[in-house]
Amino acid sequence: NDDSLNIIINVKILCHELLVQVCDLL
């Protein structure tokens, strides 16, 4: 919807873990 999220993450994070973080924030 053209919104965006700015997140600070660990460089070694799994892509799945980032997806879970995004879903939690939304």
mmCIF file of all heavy atoms, coordinates in Angstrom:
data_MODEL
# 
_entry.id   MODEL 
# 
loop_
_atom_site.group_PDB 
_atom_site.id 
_atom_site.type_symbol 
_atom_site.label_atom_id 
_atom_site.label_alt_id 
_atom_site.label_comp_id 
_atom_site.label_asym_id 
_atom_site.label_entity_id 
_atom_site.label_seq_id 
_atom_site.pdbx_PDB_ins_code 
_atom_site.Cartn_x 
_atom_site.Cartn_y 
_atom_site.Cartn_z 
_atom_site.occupancy 
_atom_site.B_iso_or_equiv 
_atom_site.pdbx_formal_charge 
_atom_site.auth_seq_id 
_atom_site.auth_comp_id 
_atom_site.auth_asym_id 
_atom_site.auth_atom_id 
_atom_site.pdbx_PDB_model_num 
ATOM 1   N N   . ASN A 1 1  ? 0.820  -1.218  0.000  1.00 0.00 ? 1  ASN A N   1 
ATOM 2   C CA  . ASN A 1 1  ? 0.000  0.000   0.000  1.00 0.00 ? 1  ASN A CA  1 
ATOM 3   C C   . ASN A 1 1  ? 0.852  1.267   0.000  1.00 0.00 ? 1  ASN A C   1 
ATOM 4   O O   . ASN A 1 1  ? 0.359  2.354   0.329  1.00 0.00 ? 1  ASN A O   1 
ATOM 5   C CB  . ASN A 1 1  ? -0.928 0.007   1.217  1.00 0.00 ? 1  ASN A CB  1 
ATOM 6   C CG  . ASN A 1 1  ? -0.173 0.079   2.527  1.00 0.00 ? 1  ASN A CG  1 
ATOM 7   O OD1 . ASN A 1 1  ? 1.023  -0.202  2.584  1.00 0.00 ? 1  ASN A OD1 1 
ATOM 8   N ND2 . ASN A 1 1  ? -0.855 0.464   3.596  1.00 0.00 ? 1  ASN A ND2 1 
ATOM 9   N N   . ASP A 1 2  ? 2.125  1.129   -0.356 1.00 0.00 ? 2  ASP A N   1 
ATOM 10  C CA  . ASP A 1 2  ? 3.080  2.243   -0.473 1.00 0.00 ? 2  ASP A CA  1 
ATOM 11  C C   . ASP A 1 2  ? 3.587  2.757   0.867  1.00 0.00 ? 2  ASP A C   1 
ATOM 12  O O   . ASP A 1 2  ? 4.349  3.729   0.902  1.00 0.00 ? 2  ASP A O   1 
ATOM 13  C CB  . ASP A 1 2  ? 2.504  3.416   -1.283 1.00 0.00 ? 2  ASP A CB  1 
ATOM 14  C CG  . ASP A 1 2  ? 2.352  3.083   -2.762 1.00 0.00 ? 2  ASP A CG  1 
ATOM 15  O OD1 . ASP A 1 2  ? 3.112  2.236   -3.242 1.00 0.00 ? 2  ASP A OD1 1 
ATOM 16  O OD2 . ASP A 1 2  ? 1.459  3.651   -3.412 1.00 0.00 ? 2  ASP A OD2 1 
ATOM 17  N N   . ASP A 1 3  ? 3.185  2.150   1.970  1.00 0.00 ? 3  ASP A N   1 
ATOM 18  C CA  . ASP A 1 3  ? 3.817  2.453   3.248  1.00 0.00 ? 3  ASP A CA  1 
ATOM 19  C C   . ASP A 1 3  ? 5.148  1.717   3.321  1.00 0.00 ? 3  ASP A C   1 
ATOM 20  O O   . ASP A 1 3  ? 5.457  0.868   2.468  1.00 0.00 ? 3  ASP A O   1 
ATOM 21  C CB  . ASP A 1 3  ? 2.918  2.021   4.418  1.00 0.00 ? 3  ASP A CB  1 
ATOM 22  C CG  . ASP A 1 3  ? 1.734  2.950   4.606  1.00 0.00 ? 3  ASP A CG  1 
ATOM 23  O OD1 . ASP A 1 3  ? 1.762  4.062   4.060  1.00 0.00 ? 3  ASP A OD1 1 
ATOM 24  O OD2 . ASP A 1 3  ? 0.774  2.542   5.290  1.00 0.00 ? 3  ASP A OD2 1 
ATOM 25  N N   . SER A 1 4  ? 5.935  2.015   4.333  1.00 0.00 ? 4  SER A N   1 
ATOM 26  C CA  . SER A 1 4  ? 7.211  1.327   4.499  1.00 0.00 ? 4  SER A CA  1 
ATOM 27  C C   . SER A 1 4  ? 7.522  1.157   5.978  1.00 0.00 ? 4  SER A C   1 
ATOM 28  O O   . SER A 1 4  ? 7.009  1.899   6.824  1.00 0.00 ? 4  SER A O   1 
ATOM 29  C CB  . SER A 1 4  ? 8.342  2.084   3.798  1.00 0.00 ? 4  SER A CB  1 
ATOM 30  O OG  . SER A 1 4  ? 8.510  3.368   4.370  1.00 0.00 ? 4  SER A OG  1 
ATOM 31  N N   . LEU A 1 5  ? 8.353  0.190   6.275  1.00 0.00 ? 5  LEU A N   1 
ATOM 32  C CA  . LEU A 1 5  ? 8.820  -0.067  7.634  1.00 0.00 ? 5  LEU A CA  1 
ATOM 33  C C   . LEU A 1 5  ? 10.335 0.036   7.651  1.00 0.00 ? 5  LEU A C   1 
ATOM 34  O O   . LEU A 1 5  ? 11.014 -0.522  6.778  1.00 0.00 ? 5  LEU A O   1 
ATOM 35  C CB  . LEU A 1 5  ? 8.416  -1.475  8.091  1.00 0.00 ? 5  LEU A CB  1 
ATOM 36  C CG  . LEU A 1 5  ? 6.933  -1.801  8.221  1.00 0.00 ? 5  LEU A CG  1 
ATOM 37  C CD1 . LEU A 1 5  ? 6.761  -3.294  8.528  1.00 0.00 ? 5  LEU A CD1 1 
ATOM 38  C CD2 . LEU A 1 5  ? 6.286  -0.968  9.314  1.00 0.00 ? 5  LEU A CD2 1 
ATOM 39  N N   . ASN A 1 6  ? 10.873 0.745   8.635  1.00 0.00 ? 6  ASN A N   1 
ATOM 40  C CA  . ASN A 1 6  ? 12.321 0.792   8.835  1.00 0.00 ? 6  ASN A CA  1 
ATOM 41  C C   . ASN A 1 6  ? 12.665 -0.055  10.053 1.00 0.00 ? 6  ASN A C   1 
ATOM 42  O O   . ASN A 1 6  ? 12.139 0.189   11.141 1.00 0.00 ? 6  ASN A O   1 
ATOM 43  C CB  . ASN A 1 6  ? 12.792 2.232   9.037  1.00 0.00 ? 6  ASN A CB  1 
ATOM 44  C CG  . ASN A 1 6  ? 12.694 3.045   7.760  1.00 0.00 ? 6  ASN A CG  1 
ATOM 45  O OD1 . ASN A 1 6  ? 13.304 2.699   6.755  1.00 0.00 ? 6  ASN A OD1 1 
ATOM 46  N ND2 . ASN A 1 6  ? 11.916 4.112   7.792  1.00 0.00 ? 6  ASN A ND2 1 
ATOM 47  N N   . ILE A 1 7  ? 13.517 -1.044  9.856  1.00 0.00 ? 7  ILE A N   1 
ATOM 48  C CA  . ILE A 1 7  ? 13.826 -2.001  10.912 1.00 0.00 ? 7  ILE A CA  1 
ATOM 49  C C   . ILE A 1 7  ? 15.335 -2.138  11.043 1.00 0.00 ? 7  ILE A C   1 
ATOM 50  O O   . ILE A 1 7  ? 16.058 -2.164  10.045 1.00 0.00 ? 7  ILE A O   1 
ATOM 51  C CB  . ILE A 1 7  ? 13.217 -3.389  10.608 1.00 0.00 ? 7  ILE A CB  1 
ATOM 52  C CG1 . ILE A 1 7  ? 11.715 -3.271  10.316 1.00 0.00 ? 7  ILE A CG1 1 
ATOM 53  C CG2 . ILE A 1 7  ? 13.452 -4.366  11.752 1.00 0.00 ? 7  ILE A CG2 1 
ATOM 54  C CD1 . ILE A 1 7  ? 11.077 -4.589  9.904  1.00 0.00 ? 7  ILE A CD1 1 
ATOM 55  N N   . ILE A 1 8  ? 15.797 -2.232  12.284 1.00 0.00 ? 8  ILE A N   1 
ATOM 56  C CA  . ILE A 1 8  ? 17.197 -2.558  12.564 1.00 0.00 ? 8  ILE A CA  1 
ATOM 57  C C   . ILE A 1 8  ? 17.277 -4.047  12.871 1.00 0.00 ? 8  ILE A C   1 
ATOM 58  O O   . ILE A 1 8  ? 16.598 -4.534  13.766 1.00 0.00 ? 8  ILE A O   1 
ATOM 59  C CB  . ILE A 1 8  ? 17.736 -1.742  13.755 1.00 0.00 ? 8  ILE A CB  1 
ATOM 60  C CG1 . ILE A 1 8  ? 17.611 -0.234  13.465 1.00 0.00 ? 8  ILE A CG1 1 
ATOM 61  C CG2 . ILE A 1 8  ? 19.191 -2.109  14.033 1.00 0.00 ? 8  ILE A CG2 1 
ATOM 62  C CD1 . ILE A 1 8  ? 18.373 0.222   12.248 1.00 0.00 ? 8  ILE A CD1 1 
ATOM 63  N N   . ILE A 1 9  ? 18.090 -4.765  12.115 1.00 0.00 ? 9  ILE A N   1 
ATOM 64  C CA  . ILE A 1 9  ? 18.156 -6.217  12.277 1.00 0.00 ? 9  ILE A CA  1 
ATOM 65  C C   . ILE A 1 9  ? 19.608 -6.673  12.431 1.00 0.00 ? 9  ILE A C   1 
ATOM 66  O O   . ILE A 1 9  ? 20.552 -5.932  12.142 1.00 0.00 ? 9  ILE A O   1 
ATOM 67  C CB  . ILE A 1 9  ? 17.488 -6.947  11.083 1.00 0.00 ? 9  ILE A CB  1 
ATOM 68  C CG1 . ILE A 1 9  ? 18.022 -6.399  9.726  1.00 0.00 ? 9  ILE A CG1 1 
ATOM 69  C CG2 . ILE A 1 9  ? 15.978 -6.773  11.106 1.00 0.00 ? 9  ILE A CG2 1 
ATOM 70  C CD1 . ILE A 1 9  ? 19.195 -7.101  9.199  1.00 0.00 ? 9  ILE A CD1 1 
ATOM 71  N N   . ASN A 1 10 ? 19.767 -7.897  12.878 1.00 0.00 ? 10 ASN A N   1 
ATOM 72  C CA  . ASN A 1 10 ? 21.087 -8.516  12.931 1.00 0.00 ? 10 ASN A CA  1 
ATOM 73  C C   . ASN A 1 10 ? 21.453 -8.989  11.534 1.00 0.00 ? 10 ASN A C   1 
ATOM 74  O O   . ASN A 1 10 ? 20.624 -9.571  10.829 1.00 0.00 ? 10 ASN A O   1 
ATOM 75  C CB  . ASN A 1 10 ? 21.076 -9.693  13.899 1.00 0.00 ? 10 ASN A CB  1 
ATOM 76  C CG  . ASN A 1 10 ? 22.462 -10.258 14.139 1.00 0.00 ? 10 ASN A CG  1 
ATOM 77  O OD1 . ASN A 1 10 ? 23.116 -10.766 13.227 1.00 0.00 ? 10 ASN A OD1 1 
ATOM 78  N ND2 . ASN A 1 10 ? 22.923 -10.172 15.385 1.00 0.00 ? 10 ASN A ND2 1 
ATOM 79  N N   . VAL A 1 11 ? 22.679 -8.747  11.122 1.00 0.00 ? 11 VAL A N   1 
ATOM 80  C CA  . VAL A 1 11 ? 23.098 -9.064  9.761  1.00 0.00 ? 11 VAL A CA  1 
ATOM 81  C C   . VAL A 1 11 ? 22.994 -10.564 9.471  1.00 0.00 ? 11 VAL A C   1 
ATOM 82  O O   . VAL A 1 11 ? 22.885 -10.985 8.320  1.00 0.00 ? 11 VAL A O   1 
ATOM 83  C CB  . VAL A 1 11 ? 24.525 -8.555  9.512  1.00 0.00 ? 11 VAL A CB  1 
ATOM 84  C CG1 . VAL A 1 11 ? 25.538 -9.369  10.293 1.00 0.00 ? 11 VAL A CG1 1 
ATOM 85  C CG2 . VAL A 1 11 ? 24.844 -8.555  8.018  1.00 0.00 ? 11 VAL A CG2 1 
ATOM 86  N N   . LYS A 1 12 ? 23.002 -11.392 10.512 1.00 0.00 ? 12 LYS A N   1 
ATOM 87  C CA  . LYS A 1 12 ? 22.971 -12.840 10.322 1.00 0.00 ? 12 LYS A CA  1 
ATOM 88  C C   . LYS A 1 12 ? 21.569 -13.422 10.443 1.00 0.00 ? 12 LYS A C   1 
ATOM 89  O O   . LYS A 1 12 ? 21.389 -14.633 10.518 1.00 0.00 ? 12 LYS A O   1 
ATOM 90  C CB  . LYS A 1 12 ? 23.900 -13.512 11.342 1.00 0.00 ? 12 LYS A CB  1 
ATOM 91  C CG  . LYS A 1 12 ? 25.360 -13.109 11.176 1.00 0.00 ? 12 LYS A CG  1 
ATOM 92  C CD  . LYS A 1 12 ? 26.241 -13.777 12.221 1.00 0.00 ? 12 LYS A CD  1 
ATOM 93  C CE  . LYS A 1 12 ? 27.695 -13.331 12.053 1.00 0.00 ? 12 LYS A CE  1 
ATOM 94  N NZ  . LYS A 1 12 ? 28.589 -13.941 13.079 1.00 0.00 ? 12 LYS A NZ  1 
ATOM 95  N N   . ILE A 1 13 ? 20.575 -12.568 10.449 1.00 0.00 ? 13 ILE A N   1 
ATOM 96  C CA  . ILE A 1 13 ? 19.201 -13.017 10.618 1.00 0.00 ? 13 ILE A CA  1 
ATOM 97  C C   . ILE A 1 13 ? 18.766 -13.871 9.428  1.00 0.00 ? 13 ILE A C   1 
ATOM 98  O O   . ILE A 1 13 ? 19.195 -13.655 8.286  1.00 0.00 ? 13 ILE A O   1 
ATOM 99  C CB  . ILE A 1 13 ? 18.256 -11.799 10.766 1.00 0.00 ? 13 ILE A CB  1 
ATOM 100 C CG1 . ILE A 1 13 ? 16.875 -12.210 11.261 1.00 0.00 ? 13 ILE A CG1 1 
ATOM 101 C CG2 . ILE A 1 13 ? 18.124 -11.059 9.440  1.00 0.00 ? 13 ILE A CG2 1 
ATOM 102 C CD1 . ILE A 1 13 ? 15.958 -11.029 11.579 1.00 0.00 ? 13 ILE A CD1 1 
ATOM 103 N N   . LEU A 1 14 ? 17.935 -14.880 9.694  1.00 0.00 ? 14 LEU A N   1 
ATOM 104 C CA  . LEU A 1 14 ? 17.339 -15.669 8.618  1.00 0.00 ? 14 LEU A CA  1 
ATOM 105 C C   . LEU A 1 14 ? 16.215 -14.867 7.963  1.00 0.00 ? 14 LEU A C   1 
ATOM 106 O O   . LEU A 1 14 ? 15.535 -14.077 8.624  1.00 0.00 ? 14 LEU A O   1 
ATOM 107 C CB  . LEU A 1 14 ? 16.774 -16.980 9.166  1.00 0.00 ? 14 LEU A CB  1 
ATOM 108 C CG  . LEU A 1 14 ? 17.769 -18.016 9.697  1.00 0.00 ? 14 LEU A CG  1 
ATOM 109 C CD1 . LEU A 1 14 ? 17.022 -19.183 10.336 1.00 0.00 ? 14 LEU A CD1 1 
ATOM 110 C CD2 . LEU A 1 14 ? 18.674 -18.524 8.578  1.00 0.00 ? 14 LEU A CD2 1 
ATOM 111 N N   . CYS A 1 15 ? 16.006 -15.089 6.689  1.00 0.00 ? 15 CYS A N   1 
ATOM 112 C CA  . CYS A 1 15 ? 14.932 -14.386 5.976  1.00 0.00 ? 15 CYS A CA  1 
ATOM 113 C C   . CYS A 1 15 ? 13.576 -14.685 6.618  1.00 0.00 ? 15 CYS A C   1 
ATOM 114 O O   . CYS A 1 15 ? 12.713 -13.806 6.700  1.00 0.00 ? 15 CYS A O   1 
ATOM 115 C CB  . CYS A 1 15 ? 14.923 -14.789 4.502  1.00 0.00 ? 15 CYS A CB  1 
ATOM 116 S SG  . CYS A 1 15 ? 16.425 -14.308 3.615  1.00 0.00 ? 15 CYS A SG  1 
ATOM 117 N N   . HIS A 1 16 ? 13.402 -15.909 7.091  1.00 0.00 ? 16 HIS A N   1 
ATOM 118 C CA  . HIS A 1 16 ? 12.150 -16.277 7.761  1.00 0.00 ? 16 HIS A CA  1 
ATOM 119 C C   . HIS A 1 16 ? 11.936 -15.446 9.017  1.00 0.00 ? 16 HIS A C   1 
ATOM 120 O O   . HIS A 1 16 ? 10.820 -14.995 9.297  1.00 0.00 ? 16 HIS A O   1 
ATOM 121 C CB  . HIS A 1 16 ? 12.172 -17.763 8.120  1.00 0.00 ? 16 HIS A CB  1 
ATOM 122 C CG  . HIS A 1 16 ? 11.040 -18.182 9.008  1.00 0.00 ? 16 HIS A CG  1 
ATOM 123 N ND1 . HIS A 1 16 ? 9.741  -18.279 8.561  1.00 0.00 ? 16 HIS A ND1 1 
ATOM 124 C CD2 . HIS A 1 16 ? 11.000 -18.496 10.337 1.00 0.00 ? 16 HIS A CD2 1 
ATOM 125 C CE1 . HIS A 1 16 ? 8.956  -18.640 9.561  1.00 0.00 ? 16 HIS A CE1 1 
ATOM 126 N NE2 . HIS A 1 16 ? 9.693  -18.779 10.645 1.00 0.00 ? 16 HIS A NE2 1 
ATOM 127 N N   . GLU A 1 17 ? 13.013 -15.202 9.765  1.00 0.00 ? 17 GLU A N   1 
ATOM 128 C CA  . GLU A 1 17 ? 12.896 -14.413 10.985 1.00 0.00 ? 17 GLU A CA  1 
ATOM 129 C C   . GLU A 1 17 ? 12.513 -12.973 10.683 1.00 0.00 ? 17 GLU A C   1 
ATOM 130 O O   . GLU A 1 17 ? 11.730 -12.363 11.410 1.00 0.00 ? 17 GLU A O   1 
ATOM 131 C CB  . GLU A 1 17 ? 14.222 -14.466 11.760 1.00 0.00 ? 17 GLU A CB  1 
ATOM 132 C CG  . GLU A 1 17 ? 14.563 -15.859 12.279 1.00 0.00 ? 17 GLU A CG  1 
ATOM 133 C CD  . GLU A 1 17 ? 15.942 -15.922 12.909 1.00 0.00 ? 17 GLU A CD  1 
ATOM 134 O OE1 . GLU A 1 17 ? 16.890 -15.359 12.316 1.00 0.00 ? 17 GLU A OE1 1 
ATOM 135 O OE2 . GLU A 1 17 ? 16.084 -16.515 13.992 1.00 0.00 ? 17 GLU A OE2 1 
ATOM 136 N N   . LEU A 1 18 ? 13.051 -12.434 9.588  1.00 0.00 ? 18 LEU A N   1 
ATOM 137 C CA  . LEU A 1 18 ? 12.681 -11.070 9.197  1.00 0.00 ? 18 LEU A CA  1 
ATOM 138 C C   . LEU A 1 18 ? 11.216 -11.018 8.777  1.00 0.00 ? 18 LEU A C   1 
ATOM 139 O O   . LEU A 1 18 ? 10.496 -10.089 9.136  1.00 0.00 ? 18 LEU A O   1 
ATOM 140 C CB  . LEU A 1 18 ? 13.574 -10.581 8.056  1.00 0.00 ? 18 LEU A CB  1 
ATOM 141 C CG  . LEU A 1 18 ? 13.245 -9.183  7.514  1.00 0.00 ? 18 LEU A CG  1 
ATOM 142 C CD1 . LEU A 1 18 ? 13.312 -8.136  8.628  1.00 0.00 ? 18 LEU A CD1 1 
ATOM 143 C CD2 . LEU A 1 18 ? 14.183 -8.810  6.372  1.00 0.00 ? 18 LEU A CD2 1 
ATOM 144 N N   . LEU A 1 19 ? 10.754 -12.024 8.036  1.00 0.00 ? 19 LEU A N   1 
ATOM 145 C CA  . LEU A 1 19 ? 9.351  -12.064 7.619  1.00 0.00 ? 19 LEU A CA  1 
ATOM 146 C C   . LEU A 1 19 ? 8.434  -12.108 8.839  1.00 0.00 ? 19 LEU A C   1 
ATOM 147 O O   . LEU A 1 19 ? 7.404  -11.421 8.882  1.00 0.00 ? 19 LEU A O   1 
ATOM 148 C CB  . LEU A 1 19 ? 9.092  -13.275 6.723  1.00 0.00 ? 19 LEU A CB  1 
ATOM 149 C CG  . LEU A 1 19 ? 7.648  -13.451 6.228  1.00 0.00 ? 19 LEU A CG  1 
ATOM 150 C CD1 . LEU A 1 19 ? 7.205  -12.253 5.408  1.00 0.00 ? 19 LEU A CD1 1 
ATOM 151 C CD2 . LEU A 1 19 ? 7.517  -14.736 5.419  1.00 0.00 ? 19 LEU A CD2 1 
ATOM 152 N N   . VAL A 1 20 ? 8.799  -12.879 9.851  1.00 0.00 ? 20 VAL A N   1 
ATOM 153 C CA  . VAL A 1 20 ? 8.005  -12.959 11.075 1.00 0.00 ? 20 VAL A CA  1 
ATOM 154 C C   . VAL A 1 20 ? 7.971  -11.598 11.767 1.00 0.00 ? 20 VAL A C   1 
ATOM 155 O O   . VAL A 1 20 ? 6.923  -11.161 12.258 1.00 0.00 ? 20 VAL A O   1 
ATOM 156 C CB  . VAL A 1 20 ? 8.576  -14.039 12.019 1.00 0.00 ? 20 VAL A CB  1 
ATOM 157 C CG1 . VAL A 1 20 ? 7.925  -13.952 13.403 1.00 0.00 ? 20 VAL A CG1 1 
ATOM 158 C CG2 . VAL A 1 20 ? 8.352  -15.425 11.424 1.00 0.00 ? 20 VAL A CG2 1 
ATOM 159 N N   . GLN A 1 21 ? 9.106  -10.900 11.799 1.00 0.00 ? 21 GLN A N   1 
ATOM 160 C CA  . GLN A 1 21 ? 9.143  -9.566  12.409 1.00 0.00 ? 21 GLN A CA  1 
ATOM 161 C C   . GLN A 1 21 ? 8.208  -8.602  11.688 1.00 0.00 ? 21 GLN A C   1 
ATOM 162 O O   . GLN A 1 21 ? 7.478  -7.836  12.320 1.00 0.00 ? 21 GLN A O   1 
ATOM 163 C CB  . GLN A 1 21 ? 10.569 -9.011  12.374 1.00 0.00 ? 21 GLN A CB  1 
ATOM 164 C CG  . GLN A 1 21 ? 11.498 -9.570  13.430 1.00 0.00 ? 21 GLN A CG  1 
ATOM 165 C CD  . GLN A 1 21 ? 12.789 -8.773  13.532 1.00 0.00 ? 21 GLN A CD  1 
ATOM 166 O OE1 . GLN A 1 21 ? 12.795 -7.559  13.359 1.00 0.00 ? 21 GLN A OE1 1 
ATOM 167 N NE2 . GLN A 1 21 ? 13.882 -9.454  13.799 1.00 0.00 ? 21 GLN A NE2 1 
ATOM 168 N N   . VAL A 1 22 ? 8.239  -8.646  10.349 1.00 0.00 ? 22 VAL A N   1 
ATOM 169 C CA  . VAL A 1 22 ? 7.382  -7.758  9.562  1.00 0.00 ? 22 VAL A CA  1 
ATOM 170 C C   . VAL A 1 22 ? 5.913  -8.056  9.839  1.00 0.00 ? 22 VAL A C   1 
ATOM 171 O O   . VAL A 1 22 ? 5.109  -7.150  10.071 1.00 0.00 ? 22 VAL A O   1 
ATOM 172 C CB  . VAL A 1 22 ? 7.685  -7.910  8.056  1.00 0.00 ? 22 VAL A CB  1 
ATOM 173 C CG1 . VAL A 1 22 ? 6.661  -7.144  7.213  1.00 0.00 ? 22 VAL A CG1 1 
ATOM 174 C CG2 . VAL A 1 22 ? 9.095  -7.417  7.749  1.00 0.00 ? 22 VAL A CG2 1 
ATOM 175 N N   . CYS A 1 23 ? 5.556  -9.339  9.847  1.00 0.00 ? 23 CYS A N   1 
ATOM 176 C CA  . CYS A 1 23 ? 4.167  -9.722  10.096 1.00 0.00 ? 23 CYS A CA  1 
ATOM 177 C C   . CYS A 1 23 ? 3.728  -9.302  11.498 1.00 0.00 ? 23 CYS A C   1 
ATOM 178 O O   . CYS A 1 23 ? 2.585  -8.874  11.694 1.00 0.00 ? 23 CYS A O   1 
ATOM 179 C CB  . CYS A 1 23 ? 3.990  -11.229 9.909  1.00 0.00 ? 23 CYS A CB  1 
ATOM 180 S SG  . CYS A 1 23 ? 4.144  -11.759 8.187  1.00 0.00 ? 23 CYS A SG  1 
ATOM 181 N N   . ASP A 1 24 ? 4.628  -9.421  12.470 1.00 0.00 ? 24 ASP A N   1 
ATOM 182 C CA  . ASP A 1 24 ? 4.301  -8.998  13.836 1.00 0.00 ? 24 ASP A CA  1 
ATOM 183 C C   . ASP A 1 24 ? 4.058  -7.491  13.897 1.00 0.00 ? 24 ASP A C   1 
ATOM 184 O O   . ASP A 1 24 ? 3.119  -7.029  14.556 1.00 0.00 ? 24 ASP A O   1 
ATOM 185 C CB  . ASP A 1 24 ? 5.434  -9.386  14.798 1.00 0.00 ? 24 ASP A CB  1 
ATOM 186 C CG  . ASP A 1 24 ? 5.473  -10.882 15.087 1.00 0.00 ? 24 ASP A CG  1 
ATOM 187 O OD1 . ASP A 1 24 ? 4.476  -11.570 14.782 1.00 0.00 ? 24 ASP A OD1 1 
ATOM 188 O OD2 . ASP A 1 24 ? 6.496  -11.357 15.614 1.00 0.00 ? 24 ASP A OD2 1 
ATOM 189 N N   . LEU A 1 25 ? 4.907  -6.718  13.220 1.00 0.00 ? 25 LEU A N   1 
ATOM 190 C CA  . LEU A 1 25 ? 4.747  -5.269  13.223 1.00 0.00 ? 25 LEU A CA  1 
ATOM 191 C C   . LEU A 1 25 ? 3.452  -4.850  12.534 1.00 0.00 ? 25 LEU A C   1 
ATOM 192 O O   . LEU A 1 25 ? 2.824  -3.863  12.919 1.00 0.00 ? 25 LEU A O   1 
ATOM 193 C CB  . LEU A 1 25 ? 5.940  -4.605  12.530 1.00 0.00 ? 25 LEU A CB  1 
ATOM 194 C CG  . LEU A 1 25 ? 7.264  -4.632  13.301 1.00 0.00 ? 25 LEU A CG  1 
ATOM 195 C CD1 . LEU A 1 25 ? 8.402  -4.154  12.416 1.00 0.00 ? 25 LEU A CD1 1 
ATOM 196 C CD2 . LEU A 1 25 ? 7.173  -3.754  14.552 1.00 0.00 ? 25 LEU A CD2 1 
ATOM 197 N N   . LEU A 1 26 ? 3.039  -5.607  11.531 1.00 0.00 ? 26 LEU A N   1 
ATOM 198 C CA  . LEU A 1 26 ? 1.801  -5.302  10.808 1.00 0.00 ? 26 LEU A CA  1 
ATOM 199 C C   . LEU A 1 26 ? 0.575  -5.913  11.485 1.00 0.00 ? 26 LEU A C   1 
ATOM 200 O O   . LEU A 1 26 ? -0.542 -5.704  11.030 1.00 0.00 ? 26 LEU A O   1 
ATOM 201 C CB  . LEU A 1 26 ? 1.885  -5.819  9.364  1.00 0.00 ? 26 LEU A CB  1 
ATOM 202 C CG  . LEU A 1 26 ? 2.974  -5.206  8.483  1.00 0.00 ? 26 LEU A CG  1 
ATOM 203 C CD1 . LEU A 1 26 ? 2.987  -5.882  7.115  1.00 0.00 ? 26 LEU A CD1 1 
ATOM 204 C CD2 . LEU A 1 26 ? 2.775  -3.710  8.328  1.00 0.00 ? 26 LEU A CD2 1 
# 
